């Protein structure tokens, strides 16, 4: 994820972050199944997707902390 994409995540509302989180988790699930089946050659994609999910969760937690 590039610096510009991270800045865009910071500006998104929490509801949109939740939607993006669900989509990313689904994509990760599919990649894990493909890896088990031997279809995935680029394991780096799994690692970067897990990091992106962690970033999204961090922004969600930070936004919820500000509103309380």
N, C-alpha and C. Protein backbone atom coordinates (compact mmCIF):
# COMPACT_ATOMS: atom_id res chain seq x y z
N UNK A 1 0.85 -1.17 0.00
CA UNK A 1 0.00 0.00 0.00
C UNK A 1 0.90 1.24 0.00
N UNK A 2 0.59 2.14 -0.87
CA UNK A 2 1.41 3.34 -1.01
C UNK A 2 0.97 4.41 -0.03
N UNK A 3 1.84 5.38 0.16
CA UNK A 3 1.59 6.46 1.11
C UNK A 3 0.29 7.19 0.80
N UNK A 4 0.04 7.42 -0.48
CA UNK A 4 -1.18 8.12 -0.87
C UNK A 4 -2.43 7.30 -0.51
N UNK A 5 -2.36 5.99 -0.70
CA UNK A 5 -3.49 5.13 -0.36
C UNK A 5 -3.75 5.12 1.15
N UNK A 6 -2.68 5.18 1.93
CA UNK A 6 -2.84 5.23 3.39
C UNK A 6 -3.51 6.53 3.81
N UNK A 7 -3.12 7.65 3.18
CA UNK A 7 -3.76 8.93 3.48
C UNK A 7 -5.25 8.91 3.12
N UNK A 8 -5.59 8.24 2.03
CA UNK A 8 -7.00 8.13 1.65
C UNK A 8 -7.78 7.31 2.68
N UNK A 9 -7.15 6.28 3.24
CA UNK A 9 -7.82 5.48 4.26
C UNK A 9 -8.12 6.32 5.50
N UNK A 10 -7.20 7.20 5.86
CA UNK A 10 -7.40 8.04 7.04
C UNK A 10 -8.63 8.94 6.89
N UNK A 11 -8.93 9.34 5.67
CA UNK A 11 -10.02 10.28 5.43
C UNK A 11 -11.37 9.61 5.20
N UNK A 12 -11.40 8.29 5.10
CA UNK A 12 -12.66 7.59 4.84
C UNK A 12 -13.47 7.45 6.12
N UNK A 13 -14.79 7.45 6.00
CA UNK A 13 -15.64 7.23 7.19
C UNK A 13 -15.53 5.78 7.66
N UNK A 14 -15.90 5.55 8.91
CA UNK A 14 -15.77 4.23 9.52
C UNK A 14 -16.61 3.19 8.80
N UNK A 15 -17.79 3.57 8.35
CA UNK A 15 -18.66 2.61 7.65
C UNK A 15 -18.00 2.10 6.37
N UNK A 16 -17.33 2.99 5.67
CA UNK A 16 -16.65 2.58 4.44
C UNK A 16 -15.42 1.72 4.76
N UNK A 17 -14.76 2.01 5.88
CA UNK A 17 -13.63 1.19 6.30
C UNK A 17 -14.07 -0.23 6.65
N UNK A 18 -15.24 -0.35 7.29
CA UNK A 18 -15.77 -1.68 7.61
C UNK A 18 -16.06 -2.47 6.33
N UNK A 19 -16.61 -1.78 5.34
CA UNK A 19 -16.92 -2.44 4.07
C UNK A 19 -15.62 -2.91 3.39
N UNK A 20 -14.61 -2.05 3.38
CA UNK A 20 -13.32 -2.38 2.80
C UNK A 20 -12.65 -3.52 3.56
N UNK A 21 -12.82 -3.55 4.87
CA UNK A 21 -12.26 -4.62 5.69
C UNK A 21 -12.89 -5.96 5.33
N UNK A 22 -14.19 -5.99 5.16
CA UNK A 22 -14.88 -7.22 4.77
C UNK A 22 -14.42 -7.73 3.42
N UNK A 23 -14.26 -6.82 2.47
CA UNK A 23 -13.80 -7.21 1.14
C UNK A 23 -12.37 -7.76 1.19
N UNK A 24 -11.53 -7.13 1.99
CA UNK A 24 -10.13 -7.57 2.10
C UNK A 24 -10.04 -8.94 2.76
N UNK A 25 -10.85 -9.15 3.78
CA UNK A 25 -10.85 -10.45 4.45
C UNK A 25 -11.33 -11.56 3.52
N UNK A 26 -12.31 -11.25 2.70
CA UNK A 26 -12.81 -12.25 1.73
C UNK A 26 -11.73 -12.57 0.70
N UNK A 27 -11.03 -11.55 0.24
CA UNK A 27 -9.95 -11.76 -0.72
C UNK A 27 -8.83 -12.60 -0.10
N UNK A 28 -8.53 -12.35 1.17
CA UNK A 28 -7.50 -13.13 1.87
C UNK A 28 -7.93 -14.59 2.01
N UNK A 29 -9.21 -14.81 2.30
CA UNK A 29 -9.72 -16.17 2.43
C UNK A 29 -9.57 -16.94 1.11
N UNK A 30 -9.90 -16.29 0.02
CA UNK A 30 -9.79 -16.91 -1.29
C UNK A 30 -8.32 -17.21 -1.62
N UNK A 31 -7.44 -16.27 -1.29
CA UNK A 31 -6.02 -16.49 -1.56
C UNK A 31 -5.46 -17.66 -0.75
N UNK A 32 -5.94 -17.81 0.48
CA UNK A 32 -5.48 -18.93 1.31
C UNK A 32 -5.91 -20.27 0.71
N UNK A 33 -7.13 -20.33 0.20
CA UNK A 33 -7.60 -21.55 -0.44
C UNK A 33 -6.80 -21.85 -1.70
N UNK A 34 -6.52 -20.79 -2.48
CA UNK A 34 -5.73 -20.97 -3.69
C UNK A 34 -4.30 -21.41 -3.36
N UNK A 35 -3.77 -20.91 -2.27
CA UNK A 35 -2.43 -21.32 -1.86
C UNK A 35 -2.40 -22.79 -1.49
N UNK A 36 -3.42 -23.24 -0.79
CA UNK A 36 -3.50 -24.66 -0.41
C UNK A 36 -3.66 -25.54 -1.65
N UNK A 37 -4.32 -25.03 -2.66
CA UNK A 37 -4.53 -25.80 -3.89
C UNK A 37 -3.33 -25.71 -4.83
N UNK A 38 -2.37 -24.84 -4.51
CA UNK A 38 -1.18 -24.72 -5.34
C UNK A 38 -1.33 -23.77 -6.51
N UNK A 39 -2.33 -22.91 -6.48
CA UNK A 39 -2.57 -21.98 -7.58
C UNK A 39 -1.80 -20.68 -7.43
N UNK A 40 -1.42 -20.34 -6.19
CA UNK A 40 -0.77 -19.06 -5.93
C UNK A 40 0.74 -19.22 -6.01
N UNK A 41 1.37 -18.36 -6.77
CA UNK A 41 2.83 -18.37 -6.88
C UNK A 41 3.45 -17.22 -6.09
N UNK A 42 2.71 -16.12 -5.92
CA UNK A 42 3.24 -14.93 -5.25
C UNK A 42 2.73 -14.88 -3.81
N UNK A 43 3.55 -15.37 -2.90
CA UNK A 43 3.16 -15.40 -1.49
C UNK A 43 3.21 -14.00 -0.89
N UNK A 44 3.98 -13.11 -1.48
CA UNK A 44 4.09 -11.73 -0.99
C UNK A 44 2.73 -11.04 -0.98
N UNK A 45 1.86 -11.42 -1.88
CA UNK A 45 0.53 -10.82 -1.94
C UNK A 45 -0.26 -11.11 -0.67
N UNK A 46 -0.11 -12.31 -0.12
CA UNK A 46 -0.77 -12.66 1.13
C UNK A 46 -0.27 -11.77 2.27
N UNK A 47 1.03 -11.60 2.34
CA UNK A 47 1.63 -10.80 3.40
C UNK A 47 1.16 -9.35 3.32
N UNK A 48 1.16 -8.78 2.13
CA UNK A 48 0.76 -7.38 1.98
C UNK A 48 -0.73 -7.22 2.28
N UNK A 49 -1.54 -8.21 1.93
CA UNK A 49 -2.97 -8.13 2.22
C UNK A 49 -3.24 -8.18 3.72
N UNK A 50 -2.50 -9.01 4.43
CA UNK A 50 -2.64 -9.06 5.89
C UNK A 50 -2.24 -7.74 6.53
N UNK A 51 -1.20 -7.12 6.01
CA UNK A 51 -0.78 -5.81 6.53
C UNK A 51 -1.83 -4.74 6.23
N UNK A 52 -2.43 -4.80 5.06
CA UNK A 52 -3.48 -3.83 4.72
C UNK A 52 -4.67 -3.99 5.65
N UNK A 53 -5.03 -5.23 5.97
CA UNK A 53 -6.14 -5.48 6.89
C UNK A 53 -5.82 -4.90 8.26
N UNK A 54 -4.58 -5.08 8.71
CA UNK A 54 -4.17 -4.53 10.00
C UNK A 54 -4.24 -3.00 10.00
N UNK A 55 -3.85 -2.38 8.90
CA UNK A 55 -3.92 -0.92 8.81
C UNK A 55 -5.36 -0.44 8.88
N UNK A 56 -6.24 -1.12 8.17
CA UNK A 56 -7.66 -0.73 8.18
C UNK A 56 -8.22 -0.86 9.59
N UNK A 57 -7.91 -1.95 10.27
CA UNK A 57 -8.39 -2.14 11.63
C UNK A 57 -7.86 -1.06 12.57
N UNK A 58 -6.62 -0.66 12.36
CA UNK A 58 -6.03 0.40 13.18
C UNK A 58 -6.78 1.71 12.98
N UNK A 59 -7.09 2.05 11.74
CA UNK A 59 -7.83 3.29 11.48
C UNK A 59 -9.23 3.23 12.07
N UNK A 60 -9.86 2.06 12.01
CA UNK A 60 -11.19 1.91 12.60
C UNK A 60 -11.13 2.13 14.10
N UNK A 61 -10.15 1.52 14.76
CA UNK A 61 -10.01 1.67 16.21
C UNK A 61 -9.68 3.11 16.59
N UNK A 62 -8.84 3.78 15.82
CA UNK A 62 -8.50 5.18 16.11
C UNK A 62 -9.70 6.09 15.95
N UNK A 63 -10.50 5.87 14.92
CA UNK A 63 -11.68 6.70 14.70
C UNK A 63 -12.72 6.49 15.78
N UNK A 64 -12.88 5.28 16.26
CA UNK A 64 -13.86 5.02 17.31
C UNK A 64 -13.40 5.63 18.63
N UNK A 65 -12.10 5.66 18.86
CA UNK A 65 -11.57 6.26 20.07
C UNK A 65 -11.77 7.77 20.10
N UNK A 66 -11.74 8.42 18.95
CA UNK A 66 -11.92 9.87 18.88
C UNK A 66 -13.36 10.26 19.16
N UNK A 67 -14.31 9.41 18.77
CA UNK A 67 -15.72 9.76 18.88
C UNK A 67 -16.28 9.54 20.27
N UNK A 68 -15.56 8.80 21.10
CA UNK A 68 -16.07 8.53 22.45
C UNK A 68 -15.73 9.64 23.42
